[in-house]
N, C-alpha and C. Protein backbone atom coordinates (compact mmCIF):
# COMPACT_ATOMS: atom_id res chain seq x y z
N UNK A 1 -1.41 5.15 3.37
CA UNK A 1 -2.72 5.31 2.78
C UNK A 1 -2.57 6.14 1.51
N UNK A 2 -3.32 5.76 0.49
CA UNK A 2 -3.28 6.46 -0.79
C UNK A 2 -4.52 7.33 -0.93
N UNK A 3 -4.31 8.61 -1.18
CA UNK A 3 -5.40 9.56 -1.38
C UNK A 3 -5.11 10.34 -2.64
N UNK A 4 -6.10 10.45 -3.54
CA UNK A 4 -5.85 11.18 -4.78
C UNK A 4 -5.68 12.67 -4.50
N UNK A 5 -5.10 13.37 -5.44
CA UNK A 5 -4.75 14.78 -5.24
C UNK A 5 -5.97 15.66 -4.99
N UNK A 6 -7.07 15.39 -5.67
CA UNK A 6 -8.27 16.21 -5.47
C UNK A 6 -8.77 16.11 -4.04
N UNK A 7 -8.84 14.89 -3.50
CA UNK A 7 -9.29 14.71 -2.13
C UNK A 7 -8.29 15.30 -1.15
N UNK A 8 -7.00 15.11 -1.43
CA UNK A 8 -5.96 15.68 -0.57
C UNK A 8 -6.12 17.20 -0.47
N UNK A 9 -6.40 17.84 -1.60
CA UNK A 9 -6.59 19.29 -1.64
C UNK A 9 -7.84 19.70 -0.85
N UNK A 10 -8.92 18.94 -1.00
CA UNK A 10 -10.15 19.25 -0.28
C UNK A 10 -9.97 19.10 1.22
N UNK A 11 -9.25 18.07 1.64
CA UNK A 11 -8.99 17.88 3.07
C UNK A 11 -8.14 19.03 3.61
N UNK A 12 -7.14 19.44 2.86
CA UNK A 12 -6.30 20.57 3.27
C UNK A 12 -7.14 21.84 3.42
N UNK A 13 -8.05 22.08 2.47
CA UNK A 13 -8.95 23.24 2.55
C UNK A 13 -9.85 23.14 3.78
N UNK A 14 -10.37 21.96 4.03
CA UNK A 14 -11.22 21.73 5.20
C UNK A 14 -10.46 22.04 6.48
N UNK A 15 -9.24 21.54 6.57
CA UNK A 15 -8.45 21.77 7.78
C UNK A 15 -8.13 23.26 7.96
N UNK A 16 -7.82 23.95 6.86
CA UNK A 16 -7.55 25.39 6.95
C UNK A 16 -8.80 26.15 7.37
N UNK A 17 -9.92 25.81 6.77
CA UNK A 17 -11.18 26.51 7.05
C UNK A 17 -11.66 26.27 8.47
N UNK A 18 -11.54 25.05 8.93
CA UNK A 18 -12.04 24.69 10.26
C UNK A 18 -10.99 24.78 11.35
N UNK A 19 -9.76 25.10 10.96
CA UNK A 19 -8.65 25.24 11.91
C UNK A 19 -8.60 24.08 12.91
N UNK A 20 -8.68 22.87 12.36
CA UNK A 20 -8.64 21.66 13.17
C UNK A 20 -7.20 21.31 13.51
N UNK A 21 -6.98 20.94 14.73
CA UNK A 21 -5.66 20.44 15.12
C UNK A 21 -5.46 19.08 14.47
N UNK A 22 -4.25 18.81 14.04
CA UNK A 22 -3.93 17.58 13.30
C UNK A 22 -4.24 16.33 14.11
N UNK A 23 -4.08 16.38 15.43
CA UNK A 23 -4.30 15.19 16.25
C UNK A 23 -5.77 14.91 16.53
N UNK A 24 -6.66 15.84 16.20
CA UNK A 24 -8.09 15.63 16.42
C UNK A 24 -8.71 14.86 15.26
N UNK A 25 -9.85 14.19 15.50
CA UNK A 25 -10.52 13.49 14.40
C UNK A 25 -10.88 14.46 13.27
N UNK A 26 -10.75 14.00 12.05
CA UNK A 26 -11.05 14.84 10.88
C UNK A 26 -12.52 15.25 10.87
N UNK A 27 -13.41 14.30 11.16
CA UNK A 27 -14.84 14.57 11.23
C UNK A 27 -15.33 14.12 12.60
N UNK A 28 -15.38 15.01 13.57
CA UNK A 28 -15.75 14.60 14.93
C UNK A 28 -17.25 14.35 15.06
N UNK A 29 -17.61 13.53 16.02
CA UNK A 29 -19.00 13.30 16.36
C UNK A 29 -19.48 14.47 17.22
N UNK A 30 -20.74 14.43 17.62
CA UNK A 30 -21.28 15.50 18.47
C UNK A 30 -20.52 15.60 19.79
N UNK A 31 -19.94 14.48 20.23
CA UNK A 31 -19.19 14.48 21.48
C UNK A 31 -17.70 14.78 21.26
N UNK A 32 -17.36 15.25 20.07
CA UNK A 32 -15.99 15.64 19.70
C UNK A 32 -15.03 14.45 19.57
N UNK A 33 -15.56 13.24 19.58
CA UNK A 33 -14.73 12.05 19.41
C UNK A 33 -14.74 11.64 17.94
N UNK A 34 -13.88 10.71 17.59
CA UNK A 34 -13.90 10.16 16.24
C UNK A 34 -14.97 9.10 16.12
N UNK A 35 -15.35 8.79 14.90
CA UNK A 35 -16.36 7.77 14.65
C UNK A 35 -15.78 6.39 14.92
N UNK A 36 -16.54 5.54 15.60
CA UNK A 36 -16.16 4.13 15.70
C UNK A 36 -16.68 3.45 14.44
N UNK A 37 -16.22 2.24 14.17
CA UNK A 37 -16.70 1.50 13.00
C UNK A 37 -18.21 1.30 13.09
N UNK A 38 -18.72 1.00 14.27
CA UNK A 38 -20.15 0.76 14.44
C UNK A 38 -20.96 2.04 14.20
N UNK A 39 -20.52 3.15 14.75
CA UNK A 39 -21.23 4.42 14.57
C UNK A 39 -21.20 4.84 13.11
N UNK A 40 -20.06 4.65 12.45
CA UNK A 40 -19.96 5.02 11.04
C UNK A 40 -20.88 4.15 10.18
N UNK A 41 -21.00 2.87 10.50
CA UNK A 41 -21.91 1.98 9.79
C UNK A 41 -23.35 2.47 9.96
N UNK A 42 -23.71 2.85 11.18
CA UNK A 42 -25.06 3.37 11.43
C UNK A 42 -25.28 4.69 10.70
N UNK A 43 -24.27 5.54 10.68
CA UNK A 43 -24.37 6.83 10.00
C UNK A 43 -24.68 6.62 8.52
N UNK A 44 -23.94 5.71 7.86
CA UNK A 44 -24.20 5.42 6.46
C UNK A 44 -25.62 4.88 6.26
N UNK A 45 -26.05 4.00 7.16
CA UNK A 45 -27.39 3.44 7.06
C UNK A 45 -28.43 4.55 7.01
N UNK A 46 -28.32 5.51 7.93
CA UNK A 46 -29.30 6.59 8.00
C UNK A 46 -29.16 7.57 6.83
N UNK A 47 -27.97 7.84 6.37
CA UNK A 47 -27.79 8.71 5.21
C UNK A 47 -28.46 8.10 3.98
N UNK A 48 -28.21 6.83 3.73
CA UNK A 48 -28.82 6.16 2.59
C UNK A 48 -30.34 6.10 2.74
N UNK A 49 -30.82 5.81 3.95
CA UNK A 49 -32.26 5.72 4.18
C UNK A 49 -32.93 7.07 3.92
N UNK A 50 -32.36 8.15 4.45
CA UNK A 50 -32.93 9.49 4.24
C UNK A 50 -32.87 9.91 2.78
N UNK A 51 -31.88 9.41 2.05
CA UNK A 51 -31.76 9.74 0.63
C UNK A 51 -32.67 8.87 -0.23
N UNK A 52 -33.31 7.88 0.39
CA UNK A 52 -34.21 7.00 -0.35
C UNK A 52 -33.49 5.97 -1.19
N UNK A 53 -32.26 5.63 -0.81
CA UNK A 53 -31.48 4.64 -1.54
C UNK A 53 -31.68 3.29 -0.86
N UNK A 54 -32.50 2.46 -1.46
CA UNK A 54 -32.82 1.15 -0.87
C UNK A 54 -31.69 0.16 -1.10
N UNK A 55 -31.42 -0.66 -0.11
CA UNK A 55 -30.45 -1.73 -0.25
C UNK A 55 -29.00 -1.31 -0.10
N UNK A 56 -28.74 -0.03 0.15
CA UNK A 56 -27.35 0.43 0.32
C UNK A 56 -26.89 0.16 1.74
N UNK A 57 -25.58 -0.01 1.89
CA UNK A 57 -25.00 -0.25 3.21
C UNK A 57 -23.67 0.48 3.31
N UNK A 58 -23.03 0.32 4.44
CA UNK A 58 -21.72 0.95 4.62
C UNK A 58 -20.69 0.39 3.64
N UNK A 59 -20.94 -0.77 3.10
CA UNK A 59 -20.02 -1.37 2.12
C UNK A 59 -20.29 -0.91 0.69
N UNK A 60 -21.37 -0.20 0.48
CA UNK A 60 -21.72 0.24 -0.87
C UNK A 60 -20.62 1.12 -1.48
N UNK A 61 -20.05 1.99 -0.68
CA UNK A 61 -18.97 2.85 -1.17
C UNK A 61 -17.74 2.04 -1.56
N UNK A 62 -17.40 1.03 -0.75
CA UNK A 62 -16.27 0.16 -1.08
C UNK A 62 -16.53 -0.59 -2.38
N UNK A 63 -17.74 -1.11 -2.51
CA UNK A 63 -18.11 -1.86 -3.71
C UNK A 63 -18.03 -0.96 -4.95
N UNK A 64 -18.54 0.26 -4.83
CA UNK A 64 -18.50 1.21 -5.94
C UNK A 64 -17.07 1.58 -6.29
N UNK A 65 -16.25 1.85 -5.28
CA UNK A 65 -14.84 2.19 -5.48
C UNK A 65 -14.12 1.08 -6.25
N UNK A 66 -14.27 -0.15 -5.77
CA UNK A 66 -13.59 -1.28 -6.39
C UNK A 66 -14.12 -1.53 -7.81
N UNK A 67 -15.43 -1.48 -7.98
CA UNK A 67 -16.02 -1.71 -9.30
C UNK A 67 -15.59 -0.64 -10.29
N UNK A 68 -15.59 0.63 -9.86
CA UNK A 68 -15.17 1.71 -10.76
C UNK A 68 -13.71 1.55 -11.20
N UNK A 69 -12.85 1.14 -10.29
CA UNK A 69 -11.44 0.91 -10.67
C UNK A 69 -11.31 -0.30 -11.58
N UNK A 70 -12.09 -1.34 -11.31
CA UNK A 70 -12.08 -2.52 -12.20
C UNK A 70 -12.54 -2.12 -13.59
N UNK A 71 -13.55 -1.26 -13.68
CA UNK A 71 -14.04 -0.75 -14.97
C UNK A 71 -12.94 -0.03 -15.74
N UNK A 72 -12.00 0.54 -15.02
CA UNK A 72 -10.91 1.28 -15.66
C UNK A 72 -9.70 0.41 -15.93
N UNK A 73 -9.85 -0.90 -15.69
CA UNK A 73 -8.79 -1.83 -16.03
C UNK A 73 -7.77 -2.10 -14.94
N UNK A 74 -8.01 -1.66 -13.72
CA UNK A 74 -7.08 -1.91 -12.63
C UNK A 74 -7.17 -3.38 -12.25
N UNK A 75 -6.03 -4.03 -12.11
CA UNK A 75 -5.97 -5.45 -11.81
C UNK A 75 -6.45 -5.79 -10.42
N UNK A 76 -6.91 -7.03 -10.28
CA UNK A 76 -7.52 -7.47 -9.02
C UNK A 76 -6.52 -7.46 -7.87
N UNK A 77 -5.25 -7.68 -8.12
CA UNK A 77 -4.26 -7.65 -7.03
C UNK A 77 -4.11 -6.24 -6.46
N UNK A 78 -4.12 -5.25 -7.33
CA UNK A 78 -4.04 -3.85 -6.86
C UNK A 78 -5.33 -3.51 -6.11
N UNK A 79 -6.47 -3.93 -6.66
CA UNK A 79 -7.74 -3.67 -5.99
C UNK A 79 -7.77 -4.32 -4.61
N UNK A 80 -7.30 -5.54 -4.51
CA UNK A 80 -7.28 -6.24 -3.22
C UNK A 80 -6.40 -5.49 -2.22
N UNK A 81 -5.27 -5.01 -2.68
CA UNK A 81 -4.36 -4.26 -1.81
C UNK A 81 -5.02 -2.96 -1.33
N UNK A 82 -5.66 -2.24 -2.24
CA UNK A 82 -6.32 -0.99 -1.86
C UNK A 82 -7.48 -1.24 -0.88
N UNK A 83 -8.17 -2.36 -1.06
CA UNK A 83 -9.30 -2.68 -0.19
C UNK A 83 -8.86 -3.29 1.13
N UNK A 84 -7.60 -3.66 1.23
CA UNK A 84 -7.11 -4.29 2.45
C UNK A 84 -7.48 -5.75 2.55
N UNK A 85 -7.75 -6.37 1.41
CA UNK A 85 -8.09 -7.80 1.39
C UNK A 85 -6.82 -8.62 1.24
N UNK A 86 -6.72 -9.70 1.98
CA UNK A 86 -5.57 -10.59 1.85
C UNK A 86 -5.65 -11.45 0.60
N UNK A 87 -6.86 -11.75 0.20
CA UNK A 87 -7.06 -12.64 -0.94
C UNK A 87 -7.82 -11.92 -2.06
N UNK A 88 -7.32 -12.00 -3.29
CA UNK A 88 -8.04 -11.42 -4.42
C UNK A 88 -9.44 -12.02 -4.60
N UNK A 89 -9.65 -13.24 -4.12
CA UNK A 89 -10.98 -13.85 -4.27
C UNK A 89 -12.02 -13.09 -3.45
N UNK A 90 -11.63 -12.52 -2.33
CA UNK A 90 -12.55 -11.70 -1.54
C UNK A 90 -12.90 -10.45 -2.34
N UNK A 91 -11.91 -9.84 -2.97
CA UNK A 91 -12.11 -8.63 -3.76
C UNK A 91 -13.03 -8.91 -4.94
N UNK A 92 -12.88 -10.06 -5.54
CA UNK A 92 -13.71 -10.41 -6.70
C UNK A 92 -15.20 -10.37 -6.35
N UNK A 93 -15.53 -10.69 -5.11
CA UNK A 93 -16.94 -10.67 -4.70
C UNK A 93 -17.49 -9.24 -4.68
N UNK A 94 -16.61 -8.24 -4.59
CA UNK A 94 -17.04 -6.85 -4.55
C UNK A 94 -17.28 -6.27 -5.95
N UNK A 95 -16.71 -6.89 -6.96
CA UNK A 95 -16.78 -6.33 -8.31
C UNK A 95 -18.09 -6.74 -8.96
N UNK A 96 -18.88 -5.75 -9.27
CA UNK A 96 -20.15 -5.99 -9.95
C UNK A 96 -19.92 -5.91 -11.46
N UNK A 97 -20.12 -7.02 -12.15
CA UNK A 97 -20.03 -6.99 -13.61
C UNK A 97 -21.28 -6.30 -14.12
N UNK A 98 -21.08 -5.24 -14.89
CA UNK A 98 -22.23 -4.50 -15.41
C UNK A 98 -22.21 -4.50 -16.93
N UNK A 99 -23.26 -3.99 -17.53
CA UNK A 99 -23.39 -4.01 -18.99
C UNK A 99 -22.25 -3.25 -19.68
N UNK A 100 -21.81 -2.16 -19.09
CA UNK A 100 -20.72 -1.40 -19.70
C UNK A 100 -19.43 -2.23 -19.74
N UNK A 101 -19.14 -2.93 -18.66
CA UNK A 101 -17.95 -3.80 -18.63
C UNK A 101 -18.06 -4.89 -19.70
N UNK A 102 -19.23 -5.49 -19.81
CA UNK A 102 -19.44 -6.56 -20.78
C UNK A 102 -19.31 -6.03 -22.21
N UNK A 103 -19.87 -4.85 -22.44
CA UNK A 103 -19.81 -4.23 -23.76
C UNK A 103 -18.35 -3.99 -24.17
N UNK A 104 -17.57 -3.43 -23.24
CA UNK A 104 -16.15 -3.16 -23.54
C UNK A 104 -15.37 -4.45 -23.75
N UNK A 105 -15.73 -5.49 -23.00
CA UNK A 105 -15.04 -6.77 -23.14
C UNK A 105 -15.25 -7.37 -24.52
N UNK A 106 -16.49 -7.36 -25.01
CA UNK A 106 -16.73 -7.96 -26.32
C UNK A 106 -16.15 -7.11 -27.46
N UNK A 107 -15.95 -5.83 -27.21
CA UNK A 107 -15.32 -4.97 -28.23
C UNK A 107 -13.83 -5.29 -28.40
N UNK A 108 -13.24 -5.97 -27.42
CA UNK A 108 -11.83 -6.34 -27.51
C UNK A 108 -11.59 -7.49 -28.49
N UNK A 109 -12.64 -8.22 -28.82
CA UNK A 109 -12.52 -9.38 -29.71
C UNK A 109 -12.49 -8.94 -31.15
């Protein structure tokens, strides 16, 4: 798994501050277990709903991550690998073409 240095540092600080054992879930549920995929999906749903963000889902973060990297010129094969997609065509569906991307593209001509 690839984690940038800033996040790696924050996780290390979290572990030091909370004195979590390495084998325990990083962010435990109320029952001290790790999040299942279903519970995490529901958690995101409620976080977005409480924040008043309409139309967001558990995939919104993935879409934003992939789109932001695409905006920075990262190739679709690398994006597919980071997203865990077998096919770059699946990854392409996650990339939102926005006005900034279009503006930069026409400036290349």
